[in-house]
Every structure is written in C-alpha cells, then in structure tokens.
C-alpha cells in the first residue's frame, strides 16, 4: 500500500508492506524539482525513514542519500521523484540501503 498526506506544510509519502514494514518520505510542501541531500542534520525538511518492524530497534533514519523531485504540481497536488539512502539506527549497528526508490502520487 502507498499513502500520502499534506499536513502543516509538509508532504508525507509512505509505502507499507505487510502490517508494519514501511519507507516514509517527508518533504516540504513547497518542494520544487531538483536534487536534495539527506542527512540527519537536515532531517526537518527532507527525510527518509525505514521501519523494519514494531520494535524499538526496528526504526532506521536515513543518515545520507538523495531525494530527486522530478515533478511537483501544487495545483493538482501530484508529485513524483526518486530516492536512495543509507539507513541506520541509534540503537543497533544494523544498516540498510535503498538504491532505486521511486514515487508518483497524489496527496
């Protein structure tokens, strides 16, 4: 399942597999086409999260990567893009990678 929402000036896109496993993309509602770097320091504006399971050690934040916005129509409320990232947790040494993430969705 893929869902999206626009709340308080932010766009959130979530892809969910099964009951819990998911990847969440967070963007400013005013984002324009272009390439945006992801880091833990910049997590307020552009962020990616991977939720592996429902445990405290199952949540991973992108500590590096990029989000590429290909198109964003604020009138029709549609957005498309790609992303890649390395995910880590502060509670475990386990790491995860996404290399060819993509989305095209209405919000």
N, C-alpha and C. Protein backbone atom coordinates (compact mmCIF):
# COMPACT_ATOMS: atom_id res chain seq x y z
N UNK A 1 0.83 -1.18 0.00
CA UNK A 1 0.00 0.00 0.00
C UNK A 1 0.88 1.24 0.00
N UNK A 2 0.44 2.25 -0.71
CA UNK A 2 1.13 3.53 -0.72
C UNK A 2 0.11 4.60 -0.36
N UNK A 3 0.46 5.45 0.61
CA UNK A 3 -0.42 6.54 1.02
C UNK A 3 0.37 7.83 1.04
N UNK A 4 -0.36 8.94 1.05
CA UNK A 4 0.30 10.24 1.15
C UNK A 4 -0.63 11.22 1.85
N UNK A 5 -0.03 12.27 2.38
CA UNK A 5 -0.82 13.32 3.02
C UNK A 5 -0.05 14.62 2.98
N UNK A 6 -0.78 15.70 3.14
CA UNK A 6 -0.18 17.02 3.23
C UNK A 6 -0.72 17.66 4.51
N UNK A 7 0.19 17.84 5.48
CA UNK A 7 -0.22 18.37 6.78
C UNK A 7 0.80 19.41 7.24
N UNK A 8 0.32 20.55 7.67
CA UNK A 8 1.17 21.61 8.24
C UNK A 8 2.35 21.96 7.34
N UNK A 9 2.11 22.08 6.04
CA UNK A 9 3.15 22.48 5.11
C UNK A 9 4.14 21.41 4.73
N UNK A 10 3.85 20.16 5.08
CA UNK A 10 4.73 19.03 4.76
C UNK A 10 3.98 17.99 3.93
N UNK A 11 4.69 17.29 3.08
CA UNK A 11 4.16 16.16 2.33
C UNK A 11 4.81 14.90 2.88
N UNK A 12 3.98 13.92 3.24
CA UNK A 12 4.48 12.64 3.72
C UNK A 12 3.98 11.55 2.78
N UNK A 13 4.90 10.70 2.33
CA UNK A 13 4.57 9.58 1.44
C UNK A 13 5.04 8.32 2.15
N UNK A 14 4.15 7.34 2.28
CA UNK A 14 4.50 6.10 2.98
C UNK A 14 4.16 4.90 2.11
N UNK A 15 5.14 4.02 1.94
CA UNK A 15 4.93 2.75 1.25
C UNK A 15 4.99 1.67 2.33
N UNK A 16 3.93 0.89 2.45
CA UNK A 16 3.81 -0.08 3.54
C UNK A 16 3.69 -1.49 2.96
N UNK A 17 4.52 -2.40 3.49
CA UNK A 17 4.46 -3.81 3.08
C UNK A 17 4.10 -4.61 4.32
N UNK A 18 3.04 -5.42 4.19
CA UNK A 18 2.59 -6.18 5.35
C UNK A 18 1.94 -5.25 6.35
N UNK A 19 2.08 -5.57 7.62
CA UNK A 19 1.45 -4.77 8.66
C UNK A 19 2.26 -3.59 9.15
N UNK A 20 3.60 -3.68 9.09
CA UNK A 20 4.43 -2.65 9.71
C UNK A 20 5.55 -2.15 8.79
N UNK A 21 6.22 -3.03 8.09
CA UNK A 21 7.41 -2.63 7.32
C UNK A 21 7.05 -1.51 6.34
N UNK A 22 7.81 -0.41 6.39
CA UNK A 22 7.48 0.73 5.55
C UNK A 22 8.69 1.63 5.32
N UNK A 23 8.57 2.45 4.27
CA UNK A 23 9.51 3.53 3.99
C UNK A 23 8.67 4.80 3.93
N UNK A 24 9.15 5.84 4.62
CA UNK A 24 8.42 7.10 4.67
C UNK A 24 9.32 8.21 4.14
N UNK A 25 8.78 9.00 3.21
CA UNK A 25 9.48 10.14 2.61
C UNK A 25 8.77 11.40 3.12
N UNK A 26 9.52 12.33 3.69
CA UNK A 26 8.98 13.61 4.16
C UNK A 26 9.62 14.75 3.40
N UNK A 27 8.77 15.67 2.90
CA UNK A 27 9.23 16.78 2.08
C UNK A 27 8.49 18.06 2.46
N UNK A 28 9.08 19.23 2.21
CA UNK A 28 8.33 20.46 2.39
C UNK A 28 7.24 20.54 1.32
N UNK A 29 6.10 21.11 1.65
CA UNK A 29 5.00 21.23 0.68
C UNK A 29 5.32 22.12 -0.50
N UNK A 30 6.36 22.94 -0.39
CA UNK A 30 6.75 23.86 -1.46
C UNK A 30 7.92 23.33 -2.30
N UNK A 31 8.28 22.05 -2.13
CA UNK A 31 9.44 21.50 -2.82
C UNK A 31 9.30 21.66 -4.34
N UNK A 32 10.40 22.01 -4.98
CA UNK A 32 10.45 22.18 -6.44
C UNK A 32 11.32 21.08 -7.03
N UNK A 33 11.17 20.81 -8.33
CA UNK A 33 12.04 19.82 -8.97
C UNK A 33 13.52 20.14 -8.72
N UNK A 34 14.27 19.08 -8.41
CA UNK A 34 15.69 19.24 -8.13
C UNK A 34 16.18 18.09 -7.28
N UNK A 35 17.45 18.13 -6.91
CA UNK A 35 18.07 17.09 -6.10
C UNK A 35 18.35 17.65 -4.72
N UNK A 36 17.95 16.89 -3.70
CA UNK A 36 18.08 17.32 -2.31
C UNK A 36 18.86 16.28 -1.52
N UNK A 37 19.89 16.74 -0.83
CA UNK A 37 20.69 15.85 0.01
C UNK A 37 19.94 15.55 1.30
N UNK A 38 20.14 14.33 1.78
CA UNK A 38 19.55 13.90 3.04
C UNK A 38 20.67 13.68 4.04
N UNK A 39 20.48 14.19 5.23
CA UNK A 39 21.39 13.88 6.33
C UNK A 39 20.60 14.03 7.62
N UNK A 40 21.09 13.44 8.68
CA UNK A 40 20.40 13.55 9.96
C UNK A 40 20.29 15.01 10.37
N UNK A 41 21.27 15.83 10.06
CA UNK A 41 21.25 17.24 10.42
C UNK A 41 20.15 18.00 9.67
N UNK A 42 19.79 17.57 8.46
CA UNK A 42 18.78 18.25 7.65
C UNK A 42 17.43 17.54 7.72
N UNK A 43 17.23 16.70 8.70
CA UNK A 43 16.05 15.84 8.72
C UNK A 43 14.74 16.58 8.87
N UNK A 44 14.75 17.85 9.27
CA UNK A 44 13.49 18.57 9.41
C UNK A 44 12.82 18.80 8.06
N UNK A 45 13.57 19.17 7.04
CA UNK A 45 12.99 19.47 5.73
C UNK A 45 12.85 18.25 4.83
N UNK A 46 13.90 17.46 4.71
CA UNK A 46 13.93 16.31 3.81
C UNK A 46 14.38 15.10 4.62
N UNK A 47 13.54 14.09 4.69
CA UNK A 47 13.95 12.92 5.46
C UNK A 47 13.34 11.65 4.90
N UNK A 48 14.02 10.56 5.18
CA UNK A 48 13.55 9.22 4.84
C UNK A 48 13.67 8.36 6.09
N UNK A 49 12.69 7.50 6.28
CA UNK A 49 12.71 6.59 7.42
C UNK A 49 12.33 5.20 6.93
N UNK A 50 13.02 4.20 7.45
CA UNK A 50 12.69 2.80 7.17
C UNK A 50 12.26 2.18 8.48
N UNK A 51 11.06 1.61 8.50
CA UNK A 51 10.56 0.90 9.67
C UNK A 51 10.53 -0.57 9.32
N UNK A 52 11.42 -1.33 9.94
CA UNK A 52 11.56 -2.76 9.66
C UNK A 52 10.51 -3.58 10.41
N UNK A 53 10.30 -3.23 11.68
CA UNK A 53 9.34 -3.96 12.50
C UNK A 53 8.88 -3.05 13.64
N UNK A 54 8.00 -3.56 14.48
CA UNK A 54 7.38 -2.74 15.53
C UNK A 54 8.16 -2.75 16.84
N UNK A 55 9.47 -2.95 16.77
CA UNK A 55 10.29 -2.90 17.98
C UNK A 55 11.06 -1.59 18.01
N UNK A 56 11.60 -1.24 19.15
CA UNK A 56 12.38 -0.01 19.24
C UNK A 56 13.65 -0.07 18.40
N UNK A 57 14.17 -1.26 18.12
CA UNK A 57 15.36 -1.41 17.27
C UNK A 57 15.00 -1.58 15.80
N UNK A 58 13.72 -1.44 15.47
CA UNK A 58 13.27 -1.63 14.10
C UNK A 58 13.08 -0.35 13.32
N UNK A 59 13.49 0.80 13.87
CA UNK A 59 13.30 2.09 13.20
C UNK A 59 14.67 2.63 12.78
N UNK A 60 14.78 2.98 11.49
CA UNK A 60 16.05 3.44 10.92
C UNK A 60 15.83 4.76 10.19
N UNK A 61 16.70 5.73 10.42
CA UNK A 61 16.65 7.01 9.74
C UNK A 61 17.75 7.09 8.70
N UNK A 62 17.46 7.77 7.60
CA UNK A 62 18.50 7.95 6.58
C UNK A 62 19.55 8.90 7.12
N UNK A 63 20.79 8.46 7.10
CA UNK A 63 21.87 9.34 7.54
C UNK A 63 22.62 9.93 6.36
N UNK A 64 22.35 9.44 5.15
CA UNK A 64 22.90 10.03 3.93
C UNK A 64 22.06 9.56 2.75
N UNK A 65 22.06 10.33 1.69
CA UNK A 65 21.32 9.95 0.49
C UNK A 65 20.80 11.17 -0.24
N UNK A 66 19.94 10.91 -1.23
CA UNK A 66 19.34 12.00 -2.01
C UNK A 66 17.88 11.70 -2.32
N UNK A 67 17.13 12.77 -2.44
CA UNK A 67 15.76 12.72 -2.97
C UNK A 67 15.78 13.59 -4.22
N UNK A 68 15.32 13.04 -5.34
CA UNK A 68 15.24 13.79 -6.58
C UNK A 68 13.76 14.01 -6.90
N UNK A 69 13.34 15.26 -6.93
CA UNK A 69 11.96 15.58 -7.30
C UNK A 69 11.94 15.82 -8.80
N UNK A 70 11.19 14.98 -9.51
CA UNK A 70 11.09 15.08 -10.97
C UNK A 70 10.00 16.06 -11.39
N UNK A 71 8.87 16.05 -10.67
CA UNK A 71 7.79 17.00 -10.94
C UNK A 71 6.97 17.20 -9.68
N UNK A 72 6.40 18.40 -9.55
CA UNK A 72 5.53 18.70 -8.42
C UNK A 72 4.52 19.74 -8.88
N UNK A 73 3.27 19.34 -8.95
CA UNK A 73 2.17 20.23 -9.35
C UNK A 73 1.35 20.53 -8.10
N UNK A 74 1.52 21.74 -7.57
CA UNK A 74 0.83 22.10 -6.33
C UNK A 74 -0.66 22.35 -6.54
N UNK A 75 -1.08 22.62 -7.78
CA UNK A 75 -2.49 22.81 -8.07
C UNK A 75 -3.21 21.46 -8.11
N UNK A 76 -2.65 20.51 -8.85
CA UNK A 76 -3.24 19.17 -8.93
C UNK A 76 -2.84 18.28 -7.76
N UNK A 77 -1.90 18.76 -6.95
CA UNK A 77 -1.37 18.02 -5.79
C UNK A 77 -0.84 16.64 -6.19
N UNK A 78 0.07 16.66 -7.16
CA UNK A 78 0.77 15.44 -7.59
C UNK A 78 2.27 15.68 -7.48
N UNK A 79 2.99 14.62 -7.19
CA UNK A 79 4.44 14.73 -7.05
C UNK A 79 5.08 13.41 -7.48
N UNK A 80 6.23 13.49 -8.12
CA UNK A 80 6.97 12.29 -8.49
C UNK A 80 8.45 12.52 -8.25
N UNK A 81 9.15 11.41 -7.95
CA UNK A 81 10.57 11.53 -7.70
C UNK A 81 11.22 10.18 -7.45
N UNK A 82 12.48 10.22 -7.13
CA UNK A 82 13.26 9.03 -6.82
C UNK A 82 14.06 9.31 -5.56
N UNK A 83 14.57 8.25 -4.95
CA UNK A 83 15.42 8.43 -3.77
C UNK A 83 16.35 7.26 -3.59
N UNK A 84 17.45 7.53 -2.91
CA UNK A 84 18.39 6.49 -2.48
C UNK A 84 18.95 6.95 -1.14
N UNK A 85 19.24 5.97 -0.27
CA UNK A 85 19.71 6.34 1.06
C UNK A 85 20.33 5.18 1.79
N UNK A 86 21.16 5.53 2.77
CA UNK A 86 21.68 4.59 3.75
C UNK A 86 20.95 4.87 5.05
N UNK A 87 20.43 3.81 5.67
CA UNK A 87 19.65 3.95 6.90
C UNK A 87 20.41 3.35 8.07
N UNK A 88 20.37 4.04 9.21
CA UNK A 88 20.98 3.49 10.42
C UNK A 88 20.10 3.81 11.62
N UNK A 89 20.37 3.12 12.70
CA UNK A 89 19.65 3.29 13.95
C UNK A 89 20.63 3.69 15.03
N UNK A 90 20.15 4.42 16.02
CA UNK A 90 20.99 4.77 17.16
C UNK A 90 21.03 3.64 18.17
N UNK A 91 20.17 2.63 17.99
CA UNK A 91 20.05 1.55 18.98
C UNK A 91 20.70 0.24 18.55
N UNK A 92 21.18 0.15 17.32
CA UNK A 92 21.79 -1.07 16.82
C UNK A 92 22.82 -0.73 15.75
N UNK A 93 23.70 -1.64 15.43
CA UNK A 93 24.68 -1.41 14.36
C UNK A 93 24.15 -1.85 13.00
N UNK A 94 22.96 -2.41 12.96
CA UNK A 94 22.35 -2.86 11.71
C UNK A 94 22.14 -1.66 10.78
N UNK A 95 22.41 -1.87 9.48
CA UNK A 95 22.23 -0.82 8.47
C UNK A 95 21.43 -1.37 7.30
N UNK A 96 20.79 -0.47 6.55
CA UNK A 96 20.00 -0.84 5.38
C UNK A 96 20.25 0.17 4.27
N UNK A 97 20.08 -0.27 3.02
CA UNK A 97 20.29 0.58 1.85
C UNK A 97 19.07 0.52 0.95
N UNK A 98 18.72 1.65 0.35
CA UNK A 98 17.74 1.72 -0.72
C UNK A 98 18.43 2.42 -1.87
N UNK A 99 18.44 1.78 -3.05
CA UNK A 99 19.15 2.36 -4.18
C UNK A 99 18.27 2.89 -5.29
N UNK A 100 17.07 2.35 -5.44
CA UNK A 100 16.23 2.76 -6.57
C UNK A 100 14.79 2.98 -6.12
N UNK A 101 14.59 3.77 -5.09
CA UNK A 101 13.25 4.11 -4.63
C UNK A 101 12.60 5.08 -5.60
N UNK A 102 11.29 4.98 -5.80
CA UNK A 102 10.59 5.88 -6.70
C UNK A 102 9.15 6.07 -6.23
N UNK A 103 8.58 7.23 -6.54
CA UNK A 103 7.19 7.50 -6.21
C UNK A 103 6.57 8.42 -7.25
N UNK A 104 5.30 8.21 -7.50
CA UNK A 104 4.43 9.10 -8.28
C UNK A 104 3.09 9.00 -7.59
N UNK A 105 2.62 10.11 -7.00
CA UNK A 105 1.43 10.01 -6.16
C UNK A 105 0.71 11.36 -6.06
N UNK A 106 -0.57 11.29 -5.76
CA UNK A 106 -1.36 12.47 -5.42
C UNK A 106 -1.42 12.56 -3.90
N UNK A 107 -1.47 13.77 -3.38
CA UNK A 107 -1.54 13.93 -1.93
C UNK A 107 -2.71 14.80 -1.52
